[in-house]
N, C-alpha and C. Protein backbone atom coordinates (compact mmCIF):
# COMPACT_ATOMS: atom_id res chain seq x y z
N MET A 1 -78.91 -51.51 -102.97
CA MET A 1 -78.69 -50.12 -103.38
C MET A 1 -78.80 -50.02 -104.89
N ASP A 2 -79.70 -49.19 -105.35
CA ASP A 2 -79.88 -49.04 -106.79
C ASP A 2 -78.76 -48.21 -107.41
N ASP A 3 -78.32 -47.16 -106.73
CA ASP A 3 -77.28 -46.28 -107.25
C ASP A 3 -76.13 -46.25 -106.23
N VAL A 4 -75.13 -47.09 -106.46
CA VAL A 4 -74.04 -47.23 -105.48
C VAL A 4 -73.20 -45.96 -105.42
N ALA A 5 -72.98 -45.32 -106.56
CA ALA A 5 -72.18 -44.09 -106.57
C ALA A 5 -72.86 -42.99 -105.75
N GLN A 6 -74.18 -42.88 -105.89
CA GLN A 6 -74.92 -41.88 -105.11
C GLN A 6 -74.87 -42.24 -103.63
N ALA A 7 -74.98 -43.54 -103.33
CA ALA A 7 -74.90 -43.99 -101.94
C ALA A 7 -73.55 -43.64 -101.34
N ALA A 8 -72.48 -43.78 -102.13
CA ALA A 8 -71.13 -43.45 -101.64
C ALA A 8 -71.02 -41.97 -101.29
N GLN A 9 -71.62 -41.10 -102.11
CA GLN A 9 -71.62 -39.67 -101.82
C GLN A 9 -72.40 -39.36 -100.55
N THR A 10 -73.52 -40.03 -100.37
CA THR A 10 -74.35 -39.81 -99.18
C THR A 10 -73.58 -40.21 -97.92
N ILE A 11 -72.93 -41.36 -97.96
CA ILE A 11 -72.16 -41.83 -96.80
C ILE A 11 -70.96 -40.92 -96.56
N GLY A 12 -70.33 -40.44 -97.62
CA GLY A 12 -69.22 -39.51 -97.47
C GLY A 12 -69.61 -38.24 -96.74
N LYS A 13 -70.78 -37.70 -97.07
CA LYS A 13 -71.28 -36.49 -96.39
C LYS A 13 -71.57 -36.78 -94.92
N PHE A 14 -72.17 -37.93 -94.65
CA PHE A 14 -72.46 -38.32 -93.27
C PHE A 14 -71.17 -38.42 -92.46
N LEU A 15 -70.14 -39.05 -93.01
CA LEU A 15 -68.89 -39.23 -92.29
C LEU A 15 -68.14 -37.92 -92.10
N GLN A 16 -68.26 -37.03 -93.08
CA GLN A 16 -67.65 -35.71 -92.93
C GLN A 16 -68.27 -34.97 -91.75
N THR A 17 -69.59 -35.00 -91.66
CA THR A 17 -70.28 -34.36 -90.54
C THR A 17 -69.89 -35.02 -89.22
N PHE A 18 -69.84 -36.34 -89.22
CA PHE A 18 -69.51 -37.08 -87.99
C PHE A 18 -68.10 -36.74 -87.49
N THR A 19 -67.13 -36.74 -88.39
CA THR A 19 -65.75 -36.50 -87.95
C THR A 19 -65.52 -35.04 -87.57
N LEU A 20 -66.12 -34.11 -88.31
CA LEU A 20 -65.93 -32.69 -87.99
C LEU A 20 -66.63 -32.32 -86.69
N ASN A 21 -67.89 -32.67 -86.56
CA ASN A 21 -68.64 -32.32 -85.35
C ASN A 21 -68.13 -33.08 -84.12
N GLY A 22 -67.59 -34.27 -84.34
CA GLY A 22 -67.07 -35.05 -83.23
C GLY A 22 -65.66 -34.65 -82.83
N GLY A 23 -65.03 -33.81 -83.64
CA GLY A 23 -63.65 -33.41 -83.35
C GLY A 23 -62.68 -34.58 -83.41
N LEU A 24 -62.97 -35.55 -84.24
CA LEU A 24 -62.15 -36.76 -84.31
C LEU A 24 -61.08 -36.64 -85.38
N ARG A 25 -59.90 -37.12 -85.03
CA ARG A 25 -58.79 -37.12 -85.99
C ARG A 25 -58.84 -38.44 -86.76
N LEU A 26 -59.70 -38.43 -87.76
CA LEU A 26 -59.92 -39.63 -88.56
C LEU A 26 -59.88 -39.27 -90.04
N ARG A 27 -59.32 -40.17 -90.82
CA ARG A 27 -59.41 -40.09 -92.28
C ARG A 27 -60.22 -41.31 -92.73
N TYR A 28 -60.91 -41.18 -93.83
CA TYR A 28 -61.71 -42.30 -94.31
C TYR A 28 -61.74 -42.29 -95.82
N ARG A 29 -61.89 -43.48 -96.37
CA ARG A 29 -62.06 -43.66 -97.81
C ARG A 29 -63.29 -44.51 -98.04
N VAL A 30 -64.16 -44.04 -98.93
CA VAL A 30 -65.34 -44.81 -99.31
C VAL A 30 -65.06 -45.42 -100.67
N LYS A 31 -65.05 -46.74 -100.74
CA LYS A 31 -64.71 -47.44 -101.98
C LYS A 31 -65.88 -48.29 -102.45
N LEU A 32 -65.95 -48.47 -103.75
CA LEU A 32 -66.91 -49.40 -104.34
C LEU A 32 -66.18 -50.71 -104.56
N ARG A 33 -66.86 -51.82 -104.30
CA ARG A 33 -66.22 -53.12 -104.54
C ARG A 33 -67.28 -54.15 -104.89
N SER A 34 -66.84 -55.23 -105.50
CA SER A 34 -67.74 -56.33 -105.80
C SER A 34 -68.04 -57.07 -104.52
N SER A 35 -69.22 -57.66 -104.44
CA SER A 35 -69.61 -58.38 -103.22
C SER A 35 -70.30 -59.67 -103.58
N LYS A 36 -70.38 -60.57 -102.56
CA LYS A 36 -71.06 -61.84 -102.72
C LYS A 36 -72.53 -61.66 -102.34
N THR A 37 -73.28 -62.70 -102.45
CA THR A 37 -74.67 -62.61 -102.05
C THR A 37 -74.76 -62.42 -100.55
N ALA A 38 -75.73 -61.65 -100.12
CA ALA A 38 -75.88 -61.34 -98.70
C ALA A 38 -76.23 -62.57 -97.89
N SER A 39 -76.86 -63.58 -98.52
CA SER A 39 -77.29 -64.75 -97.77
C SER A 39 -76.21 -65.83 -97.72
N GLU A 40 -75.09 -65.61 -98.40
CA GLU A 40 -74.07 -66.64 -98.47
C GLU A 40 -73.52 -66.95 -97.09
N ALA A 41 -73.34 -68.23 -96.81
CA ALA A 41 -72.73 -68.71 -95.57
C ALA A 41 -73.56 -68.43 -94.33
N ASP A 42 -74.82 -68.15 -94.48
CA ASP A 42 -75.63 -67.86 -93.30
C ASP A 42 -76.70 -68.91 -93.12
N ASP A 43 -77.30 -68.91 -91.95
CA ASP A 43 -78.38 -69.86 -91.72
C ASP A 43 -79.64 -69.36 -92.41
N PRO A 44 -80.64 -70.21 -92.57
CA PRO A 44 -81.81 -69.84 -93.37
C PRO A 44 -82.58 -68.65 -92.83
N THR A 45 -82.43 -68.32 -91.55
CA THR A 45 -83.22 -67.23 -90.98
C THR A 45 -82.56 -65.88 -91.16
N GLU A 46 -81.34 -65.85 -91.70
CA GLU A 46 -80.64 -64.57 -91.83
C GLU A 46 -80.22 -64.35 -93.27
N GLY A 47 -80.91 -63.43 -93.95
CA GLY A 47 -80.48 -63.03 -95.28
C GLY A 47 -80.97 -63.93 -96.40
N ALA A 48 -81.88 -64.81 -96.13
CA ALA A 48 -82.33 -65.73 -97.16
C ALA A 48 -83.02 -65.00 -98.29
N GLY A 49 -82.68 -65.44 -99.51
CA GLY A 49 -83.39 -64.93 -100.67
C GLY A 49 -83.07 -63.50 -101.04
N SER A 50 -81.92 -62.99 -100.60
CA SER A 50 -81.63 -61.60 -100.90
C SER A 50 -81.09 -61.42 -102.31
N GLY A 51 -80.56 -62.51 -102.91
CA GLY A 51 -80.04 -62.40 -104.25
C GLY A 51 -78.67 -61.76 -104.28
N ALA A 52 -78.15 -61.57 -105.49
CA ALA A 52 -76.79 -61.05 -105.63
C ALA A 52 -76.75 -59.55 -105.42
N ALA A 53 -75.64 -59.11 -104.83
CA ALA A 53 -75.39 -57.68 -104.68
C ALA A 53 -74.07 -57.39 -105.38
N PRO A 54 -74.10 -57.05 -106.68
CA PRO A 54 -72.88 -56.97 -107.47
C PRO A 54 -71.91 -55.88 -107.01
N ARG A 55 -72.41 -54.79 -106.45
CA ARG A 55 -71.52 -53.74 -105.97
C ARG A 55 -71.91 -53.38 -104.55
N SER A 56 -70.91 -53.08 -103.73
CA SER A 56 -71.16 -52.68 -102.35
C SER A 56 -70.20 -51.57 -101.97
N LEU A 57 -70.42 -51.01 -100.78
CA LEU A 57 -69.57 -49.92 -100.29
C LEU A 57 -68.67 -50.44 -99.18
N TYR A 58 -67.41 -50.01 -99.21
CA TYR A 58 -66.46 -50.37 -98.18
C TYR A 58 -65.83 -49.07 -97.67
N VAL A 59 -65.86 -48.87 -96.35
CA VAL A 59 -65.30 -47.66 -95.74
C VAL A 59 -64.16 -48.06 -94.83
N GLU A 60 -62.98 -47.48 -95.04
CA GLU A 60 -61.81 -47.77 -94.21
C GLU A 60 -61.38 -46.50 -93.50
N PHE A 61 -61.33 -46.56 -92.15
CA PHE A 61 -60.86 -45.44 -91.34
C PHE A 61 -59.40 -45.63 -90.96
N THR A 62 -58.67 -44.52 -90.96
CA THR A 62 -57.32 -44.49 -90.42
C THR A 62 -57.18 -43.21 -89.62
N GLY A 63 -56.09 -43.10 -88.87
CA GLY A 63 -55.86 -41.88 -88.11
C GLY A 63 -55.69 -42.14 -86.62
N PRO A 64 -55.25 -41.14 -85.88
CA PRO A 64 -54.96 -41.31 -84.44
C PRO A 64 -56.16 -41.73 -83.60
N ASP A 65 -57.37 -41.42 -84.02
CA ASP A 65 -58.54 -41.71 -83.19
C ASP A 65 -59.27 -42.99 -83.57
N THR A 66 -58.64 -43.86 -84.37
CA THR A 66 -59.32 -45.12 -84.70
C THR A 66 -59.59 -45.99 -83.46
N PRO A 67 -58.76 -45.91 -82.38
CA PRO A 67 -59.11 -46.70 -81.20
C PRO A 67 -60.48 -46.35 -80.61
N VAL A 68 -60.94 -45.12 -80.86
CA VAL A 68 -62.29 -44.75 -80.40
C VAL A 68 -63.33 -45.62 -81.12
N LEU A 69 -63.08 -45.94 -82.36
CA LEU A 69 -64.03 -46.73 -83.15
C LEU A 69 -63.97 -48.21 -82.80
N THR A 70 -62.78 -48.69 -82.45
CA THR A 70 -62.61 -50.14 -82.27
C THR A 70 -62.70 -50.60 -80.81
N ALA A 71 -62.78 -49.65 -79.87
CA ALA A 71 -62.88 -50.02 -78.45
C ALA A 71 -64.14 -50.86 -78.21
N ARG A 72 -64.09 -51.67 -77.16
CA ARG A 72 -65.24 -52.51 -76.75
C ARG A 72 -65.78 -53.32 -77.93
N ASN A 73 -64.83 -54.04 -78.55
CA ASN A 73 -65.17 -54.93 -79.66
C ASN A 73 -65.78 -54.20 -80.85
N GLY A 74 -65.34 -52.98 -81.07
CA GLY A 74 -65.77 -52.23 -82.25
C GLY A 74 -67.19 -51.69 -82.16
N GLU A 75 -67.64 -51.35 -80.96
CA GLU A 75 -69.03 -50.89 -80.79
C GLU A 75 -69.34 -49.65 -81.63
N VAL A 76 -68.45 -48.65 -81.59
CA VAL A 76 -68.72 -47.41 -82.35
C VAL A 76 -68.65 -47.68 -83.85
N LEU A 77 -67.69 -48.48 -84.26
CA LEU A 77 -67.57 -48.84 -85.68
C LEU A 77 -68.83 -49.54 -86.17
N ASN A 78 -69.31 -50.50 -85.39
CA ASN A 78 -70.54 -51.21 -85.76
C ASN A 78 -71.76 -50.28 -85.75
N ALA A 79 -71.77 -49.34 -84.78
CA ALA A 79 -72.88 -48.38 -84.72
C ALA A 79 -72.90 -47.48 -85.95
N LEU A 80 -71.73 -47.01 -86.37
CA LEU A 80 -71.65 -46.17 -87.57
C LEU A 80 -72.13 -46.94 -88.80
N GLU A 81 -71.73 -48.19 -88.90
CA GLU A 81 -72.16 -49.02 -90.02
C GLU A 81 -73.68 -49.19 -90.00
N HIS A 82 -74.24 -49.39 -88.80
CA HIS A 82 -75.70 -49.54 -88.67
C HIS A 82 -76.42 -48.26 -89.08
N ILE A 83 -75.90 -47.11 -88.62
CA ILE A 83 -76.52 -45.83 -88.99
C ILE A 83 -76.47 -45.64 -90.50
N ALA A 84 -75.35 -46.02 -91.11
CA ALA A 84 -75.22 -45.88 -92.56
C ALA A 84 -76.28 -46.71 -93.29
N THR A 85 -76.56 -47.91 -92.80
CA THR A 85 -77.58 -48.73 -93.45
C THR A 85 -78.96 -48.07 -93.33
N LYS A 86 -79.19 -47.39 -92.19
CA LYS A 86 -80.47 -46.69 -92.01
C LYS A 86 -80.57 -45.48 -92.92
N ILE A 87 -79.47 -44.72 -93.05
CA ILE A 87 -79.46 -43.56 -93.94
C ILE A 87 -79.77 -43.97 -95.37
N LEU A 88 -79.22 -45.11 -95.78
CA LEU A 88 -79.43 -45.58 -97.15
C LEU A 88 -80.74 -46.34 -97.32
N GLY A 89 -81.45 -46.57 -96.21
CA GLY A 89 -82.72 -47.28 -96.28
C GLY A 89 -82.59 -48.73 -96.67
N LEU A 90 -81.49 -49.37 -96.26
CA LEU A 90 -81.27 -50.77 -96.62
C LEU A 90 -82.11 -51.68 -95.72
N GLU A 91 -82.70 -52.68 -96.32
CA GLU A 91 -83.42 -53.70 -95.56
C GLU A 91 -82.41 -54.58 -94.83
N PRO A 92 -82.83 -55.25 -93.74
CA PRO A 92 -81.89 -56.09 -92.98
C PRO A 92 -81.13 -57.10 -93.83
N ASP A 93 -81.80 -57.68 -94.85
CA ASP A 93 -81.11 -58.69 -95.65
C ASP A 93 -80.15 -58.08 -96.66
N ALA A 94 -80.03 -56.74 -96.67
CA ALA A 94 -79.09 -56.07 -97.57
C ALA A 94 -77.99 -55.34 -96.82
N HIS A 95 -77.91 -55.55 -95.51
CA HIS A 95 -76.92 -54.82 -94.71
C HIS A 95 -75.48 -55.16 -95.08
N ASP A 96 -75.25 -56.32 -95.70
CA ASP A 96 -73.90 -56.68 -96.11
C ASP A 96 -73.41 -55.86 -97.30
N GLN A 97 -74.26 -55.01 -97.85
CA GLN A 97 -73.86 -54.18 -98.98
C GLN A 97 -73.01 -52.99 -98.54
N ILE A 98 -72.82 -52.82 -97.23
CA ILE A 98 -71.95 -51.76 -96.75
C ILE A 98 -71.13 -52.31 -95.59
N SER A 99 -69.83 -51.99 -95.57
CA SER A 99 -68.95 -52.50 -94.53
C SER A 99 -67.98 -51.41 -94.10
N PHE A 100 -67.86 -51.21 -92.79
CA PHE A 100 -66.93 -50.25 -92.22
C PHE A 100 -65.79 -51.00 -91.54
N ASP A 101 -64.56 -50.50 -91.67
CA ASP A 101 -63.43 -51.06 -90.94
C ASP A 101 -62.50 -49.94 -90.52
N ALA A 102 -61.65 -50.22 -89.53
CA ALA A 102 -60.70 -49.22 -89.02
C ALA A 102 -59.39 -49.92 -88.69
N ASP A 103 -58.33 -49.53 -89.39
CA ASP A 103 -57.01 -50.13 -89.18
C ASP A 103 -57.07 -51.64 -89.16
N HIS A 104 -57.83 -52.21 -90.07
CA HIS A 104 -57.92 -53.67 -90.25
C HIS A 104 -58.49 -54.39 -89.03
N PHE A 105 -59.30 -53.68 -88.25
CA PHE A 105 -59.90 -54.28 -87.06
C PHE A 105 -60.72 -55.52 -87.40
N LYS A 106 -61.54 -55.41 -88.45
CA LYS A 106 -62.40 -56.55 -88.81
C LYS A 106 -61.58 -57.71 -89.37
N ALA A 107 -60.53 -57.40 -90.10
CA ALA A 107 -59.67 -58.47 -90.61
C ALA A 107 -59.04 -59.24 -89.45
N ASN A 108 -58.59 -58.51 -88.43
CA ASN A 108 -58.03 -59.16 -87.25
C ASN A 108 -59.11 -59.94 -86.51
N ARG A 109 -60.30 -59.39 -86.45
CA ARG A 109 -61.41 -60.06 -85.79
C ARG A 109 -61.75 -61.37 -86.51
N ASP A 110 -61.65 -61.36 -87.84
CA ASP A 110 -61.91 -62.58 -88.60
C ASP A 110 -60.93 -63.68 -88.21
N ARG A 111 -59.67 -63.32 -87.97
CA ARG A 111 -58.69 -64.31 -87.53
C ARG A 111 -59.06 -64.85 -86.14
N GLN A 112 -59.54 -63.97 -85.27
CA GLN A 112 -59.98 -64.42 -83.94
C GLN A 112 -61.16 -65.38 -84.05
N LEU A 113 -62.07 -65.10 -84.98
CA LEU A 113 -63.21 -66.00 -85.17
C LEU A 113 -62.75 -67.38 -85.62
N ARG A 114 -61.73 -67.42 -86.47
CA ARG A 114 -61.20 -68.71 -86.91
C ARG A 114 -60.60 -69.48 -85.74
N ASP A 115 -59.90 -68.76 -84.84
CA ASP A 115 -59.35 -69.40 -83.64
C ASP A 115 -60.47 -69.96 -82.76
N LEU A 116 -61.51 -69.14 -82.54
CA LEU A 116 -62.64 -69.58 -81.73
C LEU A 116 -63.34 -70.79 -82.36
N ALA A 117 -63.47 -70.75 -83.67
CA ALA A 117 -64.13 -71.85 -84.38
C ALA A 117 -63.34 -73.14 -84.21
N ALA A 118 -62.02 -73.08 -84.30
CA ALA A 118 -61.19 -74.27 -84.15
C ALA A 118 -61.35 -74.88 -82.76
N VAL A 119 -61.38 -74.01 -81.73
CA VAL A 119 -61.59 -74.49 -80.35
C VAL A 119 -62.96 -75.15 -80.22
N ALA A 120 -63.99 -74.51 -80.78
CA ALA A 120 -65.36 -75.02 -80.66
C ALA A 120 -65.51 -76.37 -81.37
N ILE A 121 -64.95 -76.49 -82.55
CA ILE A 121 -65.05 -77.75 -83.31
C ILE A 121 -64.43 -78.89 -82.50
N GLU A 122 -63.25 -78.64 -81.95
CA GLU A 122 -62.58 -79.67 -81.14
C GLU A 122 -63.41 -80.02 -79.91
N ARG A 123 -63.98 -78.99 -79.25
CA ARG A 123 -64.77 -79.21 -78.04
C ARG A 123 -66.03 -80.03 -78.34
N VAL A 124 -66.72 -79.70 -79.43
CA VAL A 124 -67.96 -80.41 -79.78
C VAL A 124 -67.66 -81.86 -80.15
N ARG A 125 -66.59 -82.09 -80.86
CA ARG A 125 -66.24 -83.47 -81.25
C ARG A 125 -65.85 -84.30 -80.04
N LEU A 126 -65.23 -83.68 -79.04
CA LEU A 126 -64.82 -84.41 -77.84
C LEU A 126 -65.99 -84.67 -76.90
N THR A 127 -66.85 -83.65 -76.71
CA THR A 127 -67.92 -83.76 -75.71
C THR A 127 -69.25 -84.20 -76.29
N GLU A 128 -69.41 -84.03 -77.62
CA GLU A 128 -70.69 -84.30 -78.30
C GLU A 128 -71.83 -83.50 -77.69
N ARG A 129 -71.52 -82.29 -77.30
CA ARG A 129 -72.53 -81.36 -76.76
C ARG A 129 -72.48 -80.07 -77.56
N PRO A 130 -73.61 -79.35 -77.67
CA PRO A 130 -73.62 -78.07 -78.41
C PRO A 130 -72.65 -77.06 -77.80
N TYR A 131 -72.11 -76.22 -78.65
CA TYR A 131 -71.18 -75.18 -78.20
C TYR A 131 -71.73 -73.82 -78.61
N PRO A 132 -72.16 -72.98 -77.66
CA PRO A 132 -72.65 -71.64 -77.99
C PRO A 132 -71.51 -70.62 -78.00
N PHE A 133 -71.52 -69.75 -78.97
CA PHE A 133 -70.54 -68.68 -79.07
C PHE A 133 -71.09 -67.42 -78.39
N PRO A 134 -70.24 -66.41 -78.15
CA PRO A 134 -70.75 -65.13 -77.64
C PRO A 134 -71.69 -64.48 -78.66
N ALA A 135 -72.52 -63.57 -78.20
CA ALA A 135 -73.38 -62.80 -79.10
C ALA A 135 -72.49 -62.00 -80.06
N MET A 136 -72.93 -61.92 -81.31
CA MET A 136 -72.13 -61.27 -82.36
C MET A 136 -73.02 -60.47 -83.29
N THR A 137 -72.38 -59.64 -84.10
CA THR A 137 -73.10 -58.92 -85.14
C THR A 137 -73.51 -59.89 -86.23
N SER A 138 -74.44 -59.48 -87.09
CA SER A 138 -74.90 -60.36 -88.17
C SER A 138 -73.75 -60.71 -89.11
N ARG A 139 -72.86 -59.74 -89.35
CA ARG A 139 -71.70 -60.02 -90.21
C ARG A 139 -70.83 -61.11 -89.62
N GLU A 140 -70.55 -61.01 -88.32
CA GLU A 140 -69.71 -62.01 -87.67
C GLU A 140 -70.38 -63.37 -87.63
N ARG A 141 -71.70 -63.38 -87.44
CA ARG A 141 -72.41 -64.66 -87.46
C ARG A 141 -72.33 -65.31 -88.82
N ARG A 142 -72.48 -64.52 -89.87
CA ARG A 142 -72.37 -65.07 -91.23
C ARG A 142 -70.98 -65.65 -91.46
N MET A 143 -69.95 -64.91 -91.04
CA MET A 143 -68.58 -65.37 -91.19
C MET A 143 -68.37 -66.67 -90.42
N LEU A 144 -68.90 -66.73 -89.20
CA LEU A 144 -68.72 -67.91 -88.36
C LEU A 144 -69.43 -69.12 -88.95
N HIS A 145 -70.65 -68.93 -89.47
CA HIS A 145 -71.36 -70.04 -90.13
C HIS A 145 -70.51 -70.60 -91.27
N LEU A 146 -69.89 -69.71 -92.04
CA LEU A 146 -69.07 -70.13 -93.18
C LEU A 146 -67.85 -70.91 -92.71
N ILE A 147 -67.15 -70.40 -91.70
CA ILE A 147 -65.96 -71.08 -91.18
C ILE A 147 -66.33 -72.46 -90.64
N LEU A 148 -67.40 -72.51 -89.85
CA LEU A 148 -67.79 -73.76 -89.21
C LEU A 148 -68.31 -74.79 -90.22
N SER A 149 -68.84 -74.32 -91.34
CA SER A 149 -69.37 -75.25 -92.34
C SER A 149 -68.28 -76.18 -92.87
N GLU A 150 -67.03 -75.73 -92.81
CA GLU A 150 -65.92 -76.55 -93.29
C GLU A 150 -65.73 -77.80 -92.43
N SER A 151 -66.23 -77.78 -91.19
CA SER A 151 -66.09 -78.92 -90.28
C SER A 151 -67.10 -80.01 -90.57
N GLY A 152 -68.18 -79.66 -91.28
CA GLY A 152 -69.25 -80.62 -91.53
C GLY A 152 -70.24 -80.73 -90.38
N LEU A 153 -70.02 -79.99 -89.30
CA LEU A 153 -70.94 -80.01 -88.16
C LEU A 153 -72.05 -78.98 -88.38
N PRO A 154 -73.28 -79.25 -87.91
CA PRO A 154 -74.38 -78.31 -88.13
C PRO A 154 -74.31 -77.10 -87.20
N THR A 155 -74.81 -75.98 -87.67
CA THR A 155 -74.87 -74.75 -86.88
C THR A 155 -76.26 -74.15 -86.99
N ALA A 156 -76.57 -73.29 -86.04
CA ALA A 156 -77.82 -72.52 -86.08
C ALA A 156 -77.61 -71.26 -85.27
N SER A 157 -78.40 -70.24 -85.54
CA SER A 157 -78.37 -69.03 -84.74
C SER A 157 -79.51 -69.05 -83.74
N SER A 158 -79.29 -68.47 -82.57
CA SER A 158 -80.29 -68.44 -81.51
C SER A 158 -80.28 -67.06 -80.87
N GLY A 159 -81.34 -66.74 -80.12
CA GLY A 159 -81.41 -65.45 -79.46
C GLY A 159 -82.05 -64.39 -80.34
N GLU A 160 -82.17 -63.20 -79.78
CA GLU A 160 -82.85 -62.10 -80.48
C GLU A 160 -81.97 -60.85 -80.49
N GLY A 161 -82.12 -60.05 -81.54
CA GLY A 161 -81.48 -58.73 -81.62
C GLY A 161 -79.99 -58.78 -81.37
N PRO A 162 -79.48 -57.84 -80.56
CA PRO A 162 -78.03 -57.79 -80.31
C PRO A 162 -77.53 -58.98 -79.50
N GLY A 163 -78.45 -59.76 -78.91
CA GLY A 163 -78.05 -60.94 -78.16
C GLY A 163 -78.01 -62.22 -78.99
N ARG A 164 -78.17 -62.09 -80.30
CA ARG A 164 -78.20 -63.28 -81.17
C ARG A 164 -76.81 -63.90 -81.26
N PHE A 165 -76.76 -65.24 -81.22
CA PHE A 165 -75.47 -65.93 -81.21
C PHE A 165 -75.56 -67.22 -82.01
N VAL A 166 -74.41 -67.78 -82.34
CA VAL A 166 -74.29 -69.01 -83.12
C VAL A 166 -74.08 -70.18 -82.17
N VAL A 167 -74.70 -71.31 -82.50
CA VAL A 167 -74.47 -72.55 -81.74
C VAL A 167 -73.95 -73.60 -82.72
N LEU A 168 -72.85 -74.25 -82.34
CA LEU A 168 -72.31 -75.38 -83.11
C LEU A 168 -72.79 -76.67 -82.46
N TYR A 169 -73.36 -77.57 -83.28
CA TYR A 169 -73.95 -78.81 -82.77
C TYR A 169 -73.11 -80.02 -83.18
N PRO A 170 -73.22 -81.11 -82.41
CA PRO A 170 -72.57 -82.36 -82.82
C PRO A 170 -73.21 -82.91 -84.10
N ALA A 171 -72.50 -83.78 -84.78
CA ALA A 171 -73.02 -84.38 -86.01
C ALA A 171 -74.32 -85.12 -85.71
N GLY A 172 -75.31 -84.90 -86.57
CA GLY A 172 -76.59 -85.58 -86.43
C GLY A 172 -77.55 -84.97 -85.44
N ALA A 173 -77.16 -83.88 -84.78
CA ALA A 173 -78.03 -83.25 -83.78
C ALA A 173 -79.19 -82.53 -84.45
N ASP A 174 -80.30 -82.41 -83.74
CA ASP A 174 -81.46 -81.66 -84.21
C ASP A 174 -81.25 -80.20 -83.84
N THR A 175 -80.94 -79.37 -84.81
CA THR A 175 -80.65 -77.96 -84.54
C THR A 175 -81.91 -77.13 -84.33
N THR A 176 -83.08 -77.71 -84.60
CA THR A 176 -84.33 -76.97 -84.40
C THR A 176 -84.84 -77.11 -82.97
N ALA A 177 -84.39 -78.13 -82.28
CA ALA A 177 -84.82 -78.33 -80.89
C ALA A 177 -83.95 -77.49 -79.97
N PRO A 178 -84.55 -76.75 -79.03
CA PRO A 178 -83.73 -75.93 -78.13
C PRO A 178 -82.84 -76.79 -77.25
N ALA A 179 -81.56 -76.45 -77.20
CA ALA A 179 -80.61 -77.17 -76.35
C ALA A 179 -80.52 -76.45 -75.02
N GLU A 180 -80.74 -77.18 -73.94
CA GLU A 180 -80.77 -76.55 -72.61
C GLU A 180 -79.46 -75.85 -72.29
N GLU A 181 -78.35 -76.46 -72.72
CA GLU A 181 -77.05 -75.89 -72.37
C GLU A 181 -76.59 -74.81 -73.35
N ALA A 182 -77.38 -74.54 -74.38
CA ALA A 182 -76.96 -73.58 -75.40
C ALA A 182 -77.27 -72.16 -74.96
N GLN A 183 -76.45 -71.61 -74.13
CA GLN A 183 -76.53 -70.22 -73.73
C GLN A 183 -75.28 -69.52 -74.24
N PRO A 184 -75.37 -68.26 -74.67
CA PRO A 184 -74.19 -67.61 -75.24
C PRO A 184 -73.05 -67.54 -74.23
N VAL A 185 -71.83 -67.73 -74.75
CA VAL A 185 -70.64 -67.63 -73.91
C VAL A 185 -70.44 -66.18 -73.49
N ARG A 186 -70.15 -65.95 -72.22
CA ARG A 186 -69.88 -64.60 -71.75
C ARG A 186 -68.56 -64.13 -72.32
N ARG A 187 -68.42 -62.79 -72.48
CA ARG A 187 -67.22 -62.23 -73.11
C ARG A 187 -65.94 -62.67 -72.40
N HIS A 188 -65.93 -62.65 -71.05
CA HIS A 188 -64.68 -62.99 -70.38
C HIS A 188 -64.35 -64.47 -70.57
N ASP A 189 -65.39 -65.32 -70.72
CA ASP A 189 -65.15 -66.72 -71.01
C ASP A 189 -64.56 -66.88 -72.41
N ALA A 190 -65.06 -66.08 -73.35
CA ALA A 190 -64.54 -66.15 -74.71
C ALA A 190 -63.07 -65.74 -74.73
N ASN A 191 -62.72 -64.70 -73.96
CA ASN A 191 -61.31 -64.28 -73.89
C ASN A 191 -60.44 -65.38 -73.32
N ARG A 192 -60.95 -66.08 -72.27
CA ARG A 192 -60.18 -67.16 -71.66
C ARG A 192 -59.98 -68.29 -72.66
N ILE A 193 -61.00 -68.60 -73.45
CA ILE A 193 -60.90 -69.66 -74.46
C ILE A 193 -59.83 -69.29 -75.49
N ARG A 194 -59.84 -68.02 -75.93
CA ARG A 194 -58.83 -67.58 -76.90
C ARG A 194 -57.44 -67.72 -76.34
N GLU A 195 -57.25 -67.31 -75.06
CA GLU A 195 -55.93 -67.39 -74.44
C GLU A 195 -55.47 -68.84 -74.33
N ASN A 196 -56.37 -69.74 -73.94
CA ASN A 196 -56.01 -71.14 -73.85
C ASN A 196 -55.59 -71.69 -75.20
N PHE A 197 -56.29 -71.24 -76.25
CA PHE A 197 -55.96 -71.73 -77.59
C PHE A 197 -54.57 -71.25 -78.01
N ARG A 198 -54.24 -69.99 -77.68
CA ARG A 198 -52.94 -69.44 -78.09
C ARG A 198 -51.77 -70.14 -77.40
N HIS A 199 -51.99 -70.64 -76.19
CA HIS A 199 -50.89 -71.24 -75.45
C HIS A 199 -50.64 -72.71 -75.81
N ARG A 200 -51.43 -73.26 -76.73
CA ARG A 200 -51.23 -74.68 -77.10
C ARG A 200 -49.96 -74.84 -77.92
């Protein structure tokens, strides 16, 4: 974004129209904040070479209707964020320059990703087999790559479009070769894994 202040006004107008026409009881704040490089913590196929993005936009929703945004793993929230990137004409490698959240949904989701990552790291070290995660947004995949990098185990992204997912590999594995067992974890399996982790 060349003019972040102008972009903030554009997004503000879009959100005003969305909340008024949708009859939603939502409040929102559009903030400017410093950001890291869009390619940080990601695999080479996602966001490579985007360079630094010194300022970005952060939108926080509050109000009685935030559950509408966060239902079904934040589908509406993610859709609004995607529409905003299209309105601003951002290229895919610059999508991290805008972030939407509602009642700290993404912050809580980040904690869940850390729990999932801990389970996956333990599983891969015990079985020495690749561990595929559920399909995720590009933001969540970037976050997961960063968390998993602390383990020293290799990761890669697989799949296409909304079905793209992260795979954690054993040490020394060839991440470029397709792993037969590397299919994304189904959502209900991911929930069961989280529950098992919590009961330890």
